[in-house]
Amino acid sequence: MLIENKVAVITGGASGVGEATAKKFAEEGAKVVIADISEQAKAVVESIKNNGGDALFVSCDVTNEESAQHLMETTTQTYGRVDIFDRQCRGF
């Protein structure tokens, strides 16, 4: 597993491709940080945890610099680093 024990930040992970990516990364052994403006991401985190994965939700608006900074600070405080950053675009 190439991403086992890697820390992956997935933006837009509350649904769609972002949700599928987050779940697949967790299935492959990555620690997943789901960043989204939707609280629906909490359900994705719970699903990952219920399947033995390690996941964290951070409420984040990636178009806002302070919010994005908070995302990165929370991730590094929790896991010590970021290995993978996967941005799911909506409407860009």
PDB file of N, CA and C in Angstrom:
ATOM      1  N   MET A   1       0.842  -1.184   0.000  1.00  0.00           N
ATOM      2  CA  MET A   1       0.000   0.000   0.000  1.00  0.00           C
ATOM      3  C   MET A   1       0.882   1.240   0.000  1.00  0.00           C
ATOM      4  N   LEU A   2       0.812   1.971  -1.075  1.00  0.00           N
ATOM      5  CA  LEU A   2       1.675   3.127  -1.259  1.00  0.00           C
ATOM      6  C   LEU A   2       1.341   4.301  -0.353  1.00  0.00           C
ATOM      7  N   ILE A   3       0.101   4.399   0.098  1.00  0.00           N
ATOM      8  CA  ILE A   3      -0.276   5.551   0.925  1.00  0.00           C
ATOM      9  C   ILE A   3      -0.541   5.183   2.376  1.00  0.00           C
ATOM     10  N   GLU A   4      -0.217   3.972   2.767  1.00  0.00           N
ATOM     11  CA  GLU A   4      -0.416   3.559   4.155  1.00  0.00           C
ATOM     12  C   GLU A   4       0.372   4.478   5.084  1.00  0.00           C
ATOM     13  N   ASN A   5      -0.309   4.966   6.117  1.00  0.00           N
ATOM     14  CA  ASN A   5       0.247   5.877   7.123  1.00  0.00           C
ATOM     15  C   ASN A   5       0.604   7.258   6.594  1.00  0.00           C
ATOM     16  N   LYS A   6       0.194   7.587   5.382  1.00  0.00           N
ATOM     17  CA  LYS A   6       0.357   8.942   4.861  1.00  0.00           C
ATOM     18  C   LYS A   6      -0.801   9.790   5.369  1.00  0.00           C
ATOM     19  N   VAL A   7      -0.583  11.087   5.466  1.00  0.00           N
ATOM     20  CA  VAL A   7      -1.628  12.015   5.890  1.00  0.00           C
ATOM     21  C   VAL A   7      -2.165  12.717   4.646  1.00  0.00           C
ATOM     22  N   ALA A   8      -3.448  12.507   4.371  1.00  0.00           N
ATOM     23  CA  ALA A   8      -4.079  13.060   3.173  1.00  0.00           C
ATOM     24  C   ALA A   8      -5.150  14.067   3.545  1.00  0.00           C
ATOM     25  N   VAL A   9      -5.051  15.262   2.999  1.00  0.00           N
ATOM     26  CA  VAL A   9      -6.071  16.285   3.159  1.00  0.00           C
ATOM     27  C   VAL A   9      -6.929  16.258   1.893  1.00  0.00           C
ATOM     28  N   ILE A  10      -8.227  16.060   2.082  1.00  0.00           N
ATOM     29  CA  ILE A  10      -9.174  16.010   0.971  1.00  0.00           C
ATOM     30  C   ILE A  10     -10.153  17.156   1.128  1.00  0.00           C
ATOM     31  N   THR A  11     -10.109  18.119   0.222  1.00  0.00           N
ATOM     32  CA  THR A  11     -11.094  19.200   0.274  1.00  0.00           C
ATOM     33  C   THR A  11     -12.316  18.768  -0.525  1.00  0.00           C
ATOM     34  N   GLY A  12     -13.462  19.247  -0.116  1.00  0.00           N
ATOM     35  CA  GLY A  12     -14.702  18.861  -0.789  1.00  0.00           C
ATOM     36  C   GLY A  12     -15.045  17.397  -0.548  1.00  0.00           C
ATOM     37  N   GLY A  13     -14.672  16.896   0.624  1.00  0.00           N
ATOM     38  CA  GLY A  13     -14.838  15.479   0.913  1.00  0.00           C
ATOM     39  C   GLY A  13     -16.173  15.074   1.497  1.00  0.00           C
ATOM     40  N   ALA A  14     -17.137  15.978   1.539  1.00  0.00           N
ATOM     41  CA  ALA A  14     -18.438  15.655   2.139  1.00  0.00           C
ATOM     42  C   ALA A  14     -19.317  14.827   1.225  1.00  0.00           C
ATOM     43  N   SER A  15     -19.042  14.849  -0.080  1.00  0.00           N
ATOM     44  CA  SER A  15     -19.899  14.116  -1.009  1.00  0.00           C
ATOM     45  C   SER A  15     -19.170  13.910  -2.334  1.00  0.00           C
ATOM     46  N   GLY A  16     -19.792  13.145  -3.197  1.00  0.00           N
ATOM     47  CA  GLY A  16     -19.305  12.969  -4.555  1.00  0.00           C
ATOM     48  C   GLY A  16     -17.911  12.378  -4.654  1.00  0.00           C
ATOM     49  N   VAL A  17     -17.136  12.912  -5.578  1.00  0.00           N
ATOM     50  CA  VAL A  17     -15.783  12.420  -5.825  1.00  0.00           C
ATOM     51  C   VAL A  17     -14.902  12.594  -4.596  1.00  0.00           C
ATOM     52  N   GLY A  18     -15.062  13.696  -3.889  1.00  0.00           N
ATOM     53  CA  GLY A  18     -14.273  13.925  -2.681  1.00  0.00           C
ATOM     54  C   GLY A  18     -14.542  12.878  -1.617  1.00  0.00           C
ATOM     55  N   GLU A  19     -15.797  12.532  -1.419  1.00  0.00           N
ATOM     56  CA  GLU A  19     -16.162  11.493  -0.458  1.00  0.00           C
ATOM     57  C   GLU A  19     -15.557  10.153  -0.876  1.00  0.00           C
ATOM     58  N   ALA A  20     -15.702   9.818  -2.141  1.00  0.00           N
ATOM     59  CA  ALA A  20     -15.164   8.548  -2.640  1.00  0.00           C
ATOM     60  C   ALA A  20     -13.645   8.504  -2.493  1.00  0.00           C
ATOM     61  N   THR A  21     -12.989   9.617  -2.773  1.00  0.00           N
ATOM     62  CA  THR A  21     -11.534   9.689  -2.629  1.00  0.00           C
ATOM     63  C   THR A  21     -11.129   9.496  -1.183  1.00  0.00           C
ATOM     64  N   ALA A  22     -11.809  10.191  -0.278  1.00  0.00           N
ATOM     65  CA  ALA A  22     -11.488  10.074   1.146  1.00  0.00           C
ATOM     66  C   ALA A  22     -11.642   8.639   1.624  1.00  0.00           C
ATOM     67  N   LYS A  23     -12.726   7.992   1.233  1.00  0.00           N
ATOM     68  CA  LYS A  23     -12.965   6.612   1.656  1.00  0.00           C
ATOM     69  C   LYS A  23     -11.927   5.657   1.065  1.00  0.00           C
ATOM     70  N   LYS A  24     -11.564   5.863  -0.188  1.00  0.00           N
ATOM     71  CA  LYS A  24     -10.566   5.002  -0.822  1.00  0.00           C
ATOM     72  C   LYS A  24      -9.197   5.188  -0.177  1.00  0.00           C
ATOM     73  N   PHE A  25      -8.822   6.427   0.088  1.00  0.00           N
ATOM     74  CA  PHE A  25      -7.539   6.683   0.744  1.00  0.00           C
ATOM     75  C   PHE A  25      -7.500   6.019   2.115  1.00  0.00           C
ATOM     76  N   ALA A  26      -8.604   6.134   2.866  1.00  0.00           N
ATOM     77  CA  ALA A  26      -8.666   5.508   4.188  1.00  0.00           C
ATOM     78  C   ALA A  26      -8.589   3.991   4.068  1.00  0.00           C
ATOM     79  N   GLU A  27      -9.272   3.448   3.090  1.00  0.00           N
ATOM     80  CA  GLU A  27      -9.246   2.006   2.842  1.00  0.00           C
ATOM     81  C   GLU A  27      -7.815   1.527   2.556  1.00  0.00           C
ATOM     82  N   GLU A  28      -7.033   2.392   1.916  1.00  0.00           N
ATOM     83  CA  GLU A  28      -5.644   2.072   1.580  1.00  0.00           C
ATOM     84  C   GLU A  28      -4.684   2.371   2.738  1.00  0.00           C
ATOM     85  N   GLY A  29      -5.218   2.839   3.866  1.00  0.00           N
ATOM     86  CA  GLY A  29      -4.403   3.018   5.058  1.00  0.00           C
ATOM     87  C   GLY A  29      -3.948   4.434   5.367  1.00  0.00           C
ATOM     88  N   ALA A  30      -4.412   5.411   4.605  1.00  0.00           N
ATOM     89  CA  ALA A  30      -4.040   6.803   4.873  1.00  0.00           C
ATOM     90  C   ALA A  30      -4.845   7.364   6.042  1.00  0.00           C
ATOM     91  N   LYS A  31      -4.271   8.316   6.730  1.00  0.00           N
ATOM     92  CA  LYS A  31      -4.983   9.120   7.717  1.00  0.00           C
ATOM     93  C   LYS A  31      -5.610  10.255   6.917  1.00  0.00           C
ATOM     94  N   VAL A  32      -6.917  10.406   6.996  1.00  0.00           N
ATOM     95  CA  VAL A  32      -7.635  11.319   6.121  1.00  0.00           C
ATOM     96  C   VAL A  32      -8.190  12.510   6.895  1.00  0.00           C
ATOM     97  N   VAL A  33      -7.902  13.702   6.395  1.00  0.00           N
ATOM     98  CA  VAL A  33      -8.491  14.932   6.920  1.00  0.00           C
ATOM     99  C   VAL A  33      -9.458  15.428   5.855  1.00  0.00           C
ATOM    100  N   ILE A  34     -10.732  15.474   6.211  1.00  0.00           N
ATOM    101  CA  ILE A  34     -11.753  15.929   5.272  1.00  0.00           C
ATOM    102  C   ILE A  34     -12.066  17.385   5.569  1.00  0.00           C
ATOM    103  N   ALA A  35     -11.826  18.222   4.583  1.00  0.00           N
ATOM    104  CA  ALA A  35     -12.082  19.655   4.704  1.00  0.00           C
ATOM    105  C   ALA A  35     -13.268  19.999   3.812  1.00  0.00           C
ATOM    106  N   ASP A  36     -14.280  20.593   4.411  1.00  0.00           N
ATOM    107  CA  ASP A  36     -15.466  20.951   3.644  1.00  0.00           C
ATOM    108  C   ASP A  36     -16.248  22.000   4.423  1.00  0.00           C
ATOM    109  N   ILE A  37     -17.077  22.751   3.726  1.00  0.00           N
ATOM    110  CA  ILE A  37     -17.944  23.711   4.414  1.00  0.00           C
ATOM    111  C   ILE A  37     -19.221  23.037   4.897  1.00  0.00           C
ATOM    112  N   SER A  38     -19.475  21.831   4.403  1.00  0.00           N
ATOM    113  CA  SER A  38     -20.682  21.096   4.770  1.00  0.00           C
ATOM    114  C   SER A  38     -20.435  20.191   5.973  1.00  0.00           C
ATOM    115  N   GLU A  39     -21.337  20.266   6.927  1.00  0.00           N
ATOM    116  CA  GLU A  39     -21.282  19.395   8.101  1.00  0.00           C
ATOM    117  C   GLU A  39     -21.532  17.935   7.721  1.00  0.00           C
ATOM    118  N   GLN A  40     -21.992  17.699   6.505  1.00  0.00           N
ATOM    119  CA  GLN A  40     -22.211  16.344   6.009  1.00  0.00           C
ATOM    120  C   GLN A  40     -20.905  15.548   6.035  1.00  0.00           C
ATOM    121  N   ALA A  41     -19.777  16.234   6.022  1.00  0.00           N
ATOM    122  CA  ALA A  41     -18.473  15.563   6.066  1.00  0.00           C
ATOM    123  C   ALA A  41     -18.302  14.761   7.357  1.00  0.00           C
ATOM    124  N   LYS A  42     -18.998  15.159   8.422  1.00  0.00           N
ATOM    125  CA  LYS A  42     -18.909  14.410   9.680  1.00  0.00           C
ATOM    126  C   LYS A  42     -19.389  12.974   9.493  1.00  0.00           C
ATOM    127  N   ALA A  43     -20.405  12.778   8.662  1.00  0.00           N
ATOM    128  CA  ALA A  43     -20.915  11.434   8.394  1.00  0.00           C
ATOM    129  C   ALA A  43     -19.884  10.605   7.632  1.00  0.00           C
ATOM    130  N   VAL A  44     -19.138  11.253   6.762  1.00  0.00           N
ATOM    131  CA  VAL A  44     -18.081  10.558   6.019  1.00  0.00           C
ATOM    132  C   VAL A  44     -16.978  10.124   6.982  1.00  0.00           C
ATOM    133  N   VAL A  45     -16.609  11.009   7.897  1.00  0.00           N
ATOM    134  CA  VAL A  45     -15.596  10.673   8.898  1.00  0.00           C
ATOM    135  C   VAL A  45     -16.063   9.490   9.738  1.00  0.00           C
ATOM    136  N   GLU A  46     -17.306   9.505  10.173  1.00  0.00           N
ATOM    137  CA  GLU A  46     -17.841   8.403  10.979  1.00  0.00           C
ATOM    138  C   GLU A  46     -17.829   7.095  10.196  1.00  0.00           C
ATOM    139  N   SER A  47     -18.179   7.162   8.929  1.00  0.00           N
ATOM    140  CA  SER A  47     -18.158   5.971   8.085  1.00  0.00           C
ATOM    141  C   SER A  47     -16.744   5.397   7.988  1.00  0.00           C
ATOM    142  N   ILE A  48     -15.766   6.268   7.802  1.00  0.00           N
ATOM    143  CA  ILE A  48     -14.372   5.831   7.729  1.00  0.00           C
ATOM    144  C   ILE A  48     -13.946   5.196   9.049  1.00  0.00           C
ATOM    145  N   LYS A  49     -14.266   5.855  10.140  1.00  0.00           N
ATOM    146  CA  LYS A  49     -13.892   5.320  11.456  1.00  0.00           C
ATOM    147  C   LYS A  49     -14.580   3.987  11.733  1.00  0.00           C
ATOM    148  N   ASN A  50     -15.845   3.869  11.358  1.00  0.00           N
ATOM    149  CA  ASN A  50     -16.588   2.622  11.565  1.00  0.00           C
ATOM    150  C   ASN A  50     -16.008   1.462  10.776  1.00  0.00           C
ATOM    151  N   ASN A  51     -15.251   1.782   9.731  1.00  0.00           N
ATOM    152  CA  ASN A  51     -14.599   0.762   8.922  1.00  0.00           C
ATOM    153  C   ASN A  51     -13.127   0.604   9.270  1.00  0.00           C
ATOM    154  N   GLY A  52     -12.735   1.129  10.447  1.00  0.00           N
ATOM    155  CA  GLY A  52     -11.368   0.938  10.933  1.00  0.00           C
ATOM    156  C   GLY A  52     -10.358   1.974  10.490  1.00  0.00           C
ATOM    157  N   GLY A  53     -10.805   3.018   9.817  1.00  0.00           N
ATOM    158  CA  GLY A  53      -9.894   4.046   9.333  1.00  0.00           C
ATOM    159  C   GLY A  53      -9.693   5.165  10.338  1.00  0.00           C
ATOM    160  N   ASP A  54      -8.788   6.053   9.997  1.00  0.00           N
ATOM    161  CA  ASP A  54      -8.455   7.210  10.828  1.00  0.00           C
ATOM    162  C   ASP A  54      -8.818   8.457  10.037  1.00  0.00           C
ATOM    163  N   ALA A  55      -9.766   9.239  10.548  1.00  0.00           N
ATOM    164  CA  ALA A  55     -10.240  10.411   9.813  1.00  0.00           C
ATOM    165  C   ALA A  55     -10.597  11.541  10.765  1.00  0.00           C
ATOM    166  N   LEU A  56     -10.524  12.752  10.228  1.00  0.00           N
ATOM    167  CA  LEU A  56     -10.805  13.971  10.974  1.00  0.00           C
ATOM    168  C   LEU A  56     -11.547  14.925  10.052  1.00  0.00           C
ATOM    169  N   PHE A  57     -12.558  15.608  10.583  1.00  0.00           N
ATOM    170  CA  PHE A  57     -13.260  16.654   9.830  1.00  0.00           C
ATOM    171  C   PHE A  57     -12.772  18.011  10.294  1.00  0.00           C
ATOM    172  N   VAL A  58     -12.470  18.885   9.331  1.00  0.00           N
ATOM    173  CA  VAL A  58     -12.149  20.277   9.623  1.00  0.00           C
ATOM    174  C   VAL A  58     -13.050  21.131   8.750  1.00  0.00           C
ATOM    175  N   SER A  59     -13.888  21.937   9.381  1.00  0.00           N
ATOM    176  CA  SER A  59     -14.732  22.856   8.634  1.00  0.00           C
ATOM    177  C   SER A  59     -13.834  23.884   7.964  1.00  0.00           C
ATOM    178  N   CYS A  60     -13.946  23.975   6.641  1.00  0.00           N
ATOM    179  CA  CYS A  60     -13.017  24.843   5.920  1.00  0.00           C
ATOM    180  C   CYS A  60     -13.634  25.361   4.628  1.00  0.00           C
ATOM    181  N   ASP A  61     -13.451  26.641   4.397  1.00  0.00           N
ATOM    182  CA  ASP A  61     -13.776  27.282   3.123  1.00  0.00           C
ATOM    183  C   ASP A  61     -12.432  27.575   2.464  1.00  0.00           C
ATOM    184  N   VAL A  62     -12.055  26.778   1.482  1.00  0.00           N
ATOM    185  CA  VAL A  62     -10.724  26.920   0.893  1.00  0.00           C
ATOM    186  C   VAL A  62     -10.537  28.215   0.122  1.00  0.00           C
ATOM    187  N   THR A  63     -11.617  28.961  -0.102  1.00  0.00           N
ATOM    188  CA  THR A  63     -11.480  30.257  -0.767  1.00  0.00           C
ATOM    189  C   THR A  63     -11.121  31.367   0.220  1.00  0.00           C
ATOM    190  N   ASN A  64     -11.098  31.018   1.510  1.00  0.00           N
ATOM    191  CA  ASN A  64     -10.771  31.971   2.567  1.00  0.00           C
ATOM    192  C   ASN A  64      -9.404  31.622   3.140  1.00  0.00           C
ATOM    193  N   GLU A  65      -8.462  32.552   3.064  1.00  0.00           N
ATOM    194  CA  GLU A  65      -7.085  32.290   3.488  1.00  0.00           C
ATOM    195  C   GLU A  65      -6.987  31.866   4.954  1.00  0.00           C
ATOM    196  N   GLU A  66      -7.710  32.555   5.837  1.00  0.00           N
ATOM    197  CA  GLU A  66      -7.664  32.204   7.264  1.00  0.00           C
ATOM    198  C   GLU A  66      -8.209  30.796   7.506  1.00  0.00           C
ATOM    199  N   SER A  67      -9.275  30.448   6.805  1.00  0.00           N
ATOM    200  CA  SER A  67      -9.868  29.130   6.950  1.00  0.00           C
ATOM    201  C   SER A  67      -8.906  28.047   6.451  1.00  0.00           C
ATOM    202  N   ALA A  68      -8.269  28.295   5.326  1.00  0.00           N
ATOM    203  CA  ALA A  68      -7.294  27.345   4.786  1.00  0.00           C
ATOM    204  C   ALA A  68      -6.089  27.209   5.718  1.00  0.00           C
ATOM    205  N   GLN A  69      -5.661  28.308   6.303  1.00  0.00           N
ATOM    206  CA  GLN A  69      -4.561  28.256   7.259  1.00  0.00           C
ATOM    207  C   GLN A  69      -4.943  27.424   8.482  1.00  0.00           C
ATOM    208  N   HIS A  70      -6.169  27.603   8.951  1.00  0.00           N
ATOM    209  CA  HIS A  70      -6.667  26.812  10.076  1.00  0.00           C
ATOM    210  C   HIS A  70      -6.653  25.315   9.737  1.00  0.00           C
ATOM    211  N   LEU A  71      -7.051  24.990   8.520  1.00  0.00           N
ATOM    212  CA  LEU A  71      -7.035  23.597   8.066  1.00  0.00           C
ATOM    213  C   LEU A  71      -5.636  23.006   8.177  1.00  0.00           C
ATOM    214  N   MET A  72      -4.655  23.724   7.670  1.00  0.00           N
ATOM    215  CA  MET A  72      -3.291  23.201   7.676  1.00  0.00           C
ATOM    216  C   MET A  72      -2.728  23.135   9.098  1.00  0.00           C
ATOM    217  N   GLU A  73      -3.023  24.119   9.915  1.00  0.00           N
ATOM    218  CA  GLU A  73      -2.552  24.104  11.304  1.00  0.00           C
ATOM    219  C   GLU A  73      -3.174  22.937  12.081  1.00  0.00           C
ATOM    220  N   THR A  74      -4.465  22.730  11.911  1.00  0.00           N
ATOM    221  CA  THR A  74      -5.141  21.631  12.602  1.00  0.00           C
ATOM    222  C   THR A  74      -4.579  20.286  12.150  1.00  0.00           C
ATOM    223  N   THR A  75      -4.350  20.152  10.866  1.00  0.00           N
ATOM    224  CA  THR A  75      -3.802  18.900  10.332  1.00  0.00           C
ATOM    225  C   THR A  75      -2.414  18.622  10.898  1.00  0.00           C
ATOM    226  N   THR A  76      -1.553  19.626  10.884  1.00  0.00           N
ATOM    227  CA  THR A  76      -0.188  19.391  11.372  1.00  0.00           C
ATOM    228  C   THR A  76      -0.158  19.226  12.893  1.00  0.00           C
ATOM    229  N   GLN A  77      -1.053  19.884  13.607  1.00  0.00           N
ATOM    230  CA  GLN A  77      -1.111  19.685  15.056  1.00  0.00           C
ATOM    231  C   GLN A  77      -1.594  18.277  15.388  1.00  0.00           C
ATOM    232  N   THR A  78      -2.496  17.741  14.581  1.00  0.00           N
ATOM    233  CA  THR A  78      -3.059  16.423  14.836  1.00  0.00           C
ATOM    234  C   THR A  78      -2.139  15.300  14.355  1.00  0.00           C
ATOM    235  N   TYR A  79      -1.613  15.432  13.149  1.00  0.00           N
ATOM    236  CA  TYR A  79      -0.854  14.345  12.536  1.00  0.00           C
ATOM    237  C   TYR A  79       0.626  14.658  12.294  1.00  0.00           C
ATOM    238  N   GLY A  80       1.018  15.910  12.492  1.00  0.00           N
ATOM    239  CA  GLY A  80       2.429  16.259  12.369  1.00  0.00           C
ATOM    240  C   GLY A  80       2.906  16.636  10.983  1.00  0.00           C
ATOM    241  N   ARG A  81       2.089  16.380   9.978  1.00  0.00           N
ATOM    242  CA  ARG A  81       2.532  16.677   8.613  1.00  0.00           C
ATOM    243  C   ARG A  81       1.358  16.536   7.639  1.00  0.00           C
ATOM    244  N   VAL A  82       1.603  16.906   6.386  1.00  0.00           N
ATOM    245  CA  VAL A  82       0.685  16.655   5.282  1.00  0.00           C
ATOM    246  C   VAL A  82       1.512  15.984   4.185  1.00  0.00           C
ATOM    247  N   ASP A  83       1.086  14.805   3.759  1.00  0.00           N
ATOM    248  CA  ASP A  83       1.780  14.102   2.685  1.00  0.00           C
ATOM    249  C   ASP A  83       1.074  14.241   1.348  1.00  0.00           C
ATOM    250  N   ILE A  84      -0.253  14.321   1.397  1.00  0.00           N
ATOM    251  CA  ILE A  84      -1.065  14.364   0.180  1.00  0.00           C
ATOM    252  C   ILE A  84      -2.107  15.460   0.342  1.00  0.00           C
ATOM    253  N   PHE A  85      -2.248  16.289  -0.691  1.00  0.00           N
ATOM    254  CA  PHE A  85      -3.299  17.316  -0.693  1.00  0.00           C
ATOM    255  C   PHE A  85      -4.110  17.111  -1.948  1.00  0.00           C
ATOM    256  N   ASP A  86      -5.393  16.759  -1.800  1.00  0.00           N
ATOM    257  CA  ASP A  86      -6.242  16.460  -2.924  1.00  0.00           C
ATOM    258  C   ASP A  86      -7.407  17.452  -2.941  1.00  0.00           C
ATOM    259  N   ARG A  87      -7.443  18.296  -3.939  1.00  0.00           N
ATOM    260  CA  ARG A  87      -8.480  19.320  -4.004  1.00  0.00           C
ATOM    261  C   ARG A  87      -9.574  18.906  -4.987  1.00  0.00           C
ATOM    262  N   GLN A  88     -10.780  18.835  -4.485  1.00  0.00           N
ATOM    263  CA  GLN A  88     -11.942  18.549  -5.309  1.00  0.00           C
ATOM    264  C   GLN A  88     -12.603  19.880  -5.643  1.00  0.00           C
ATOM    265  N   CYS A  89     -12.649  20.222  -6.902  1.00  0.00           N
ATOM    266  CA  CYS A  89     -13.175  21.522  -7.324  1.00  0.00           C
ATOM    267  C   CYS A  89     -14.670  21.445  -7.597  1.00  0.00           C
ATOM    268  N   ARG A  90     -15.360  22.473  -7.147  1.00  0.00           N
ATOM    269  CA  ARG A  90     -16.786  22.620  -7.456  1.00  0.00           C
ATOM    270  C   ARG A  90     -16.998  24.028  -7.985  1.00  0.00           C
ATOM    271  N   GLY A  91     -17.367  24.110  -9.212  1.00  0.00           N
ATOM    272  CA  GLY A  91     -17.706  25.401  -9.792  1.00  0.00           C
ATOM    273  C   GLY A  91     -16.512  26.292 -10.109  1.00  0.00           C
ATOM    274  N   PHE A  92     -15.341  25.724 -10.198  1.00  0.00           N
ATOM    275  CA  PHE A  92     -14.170  26.540 -10.544  1.00  0.00           C
ATOM    276  C   PHE A  92     -13.786  26.294 -11.987  1.00  0.00           C
TER     277      PHE A  92
END
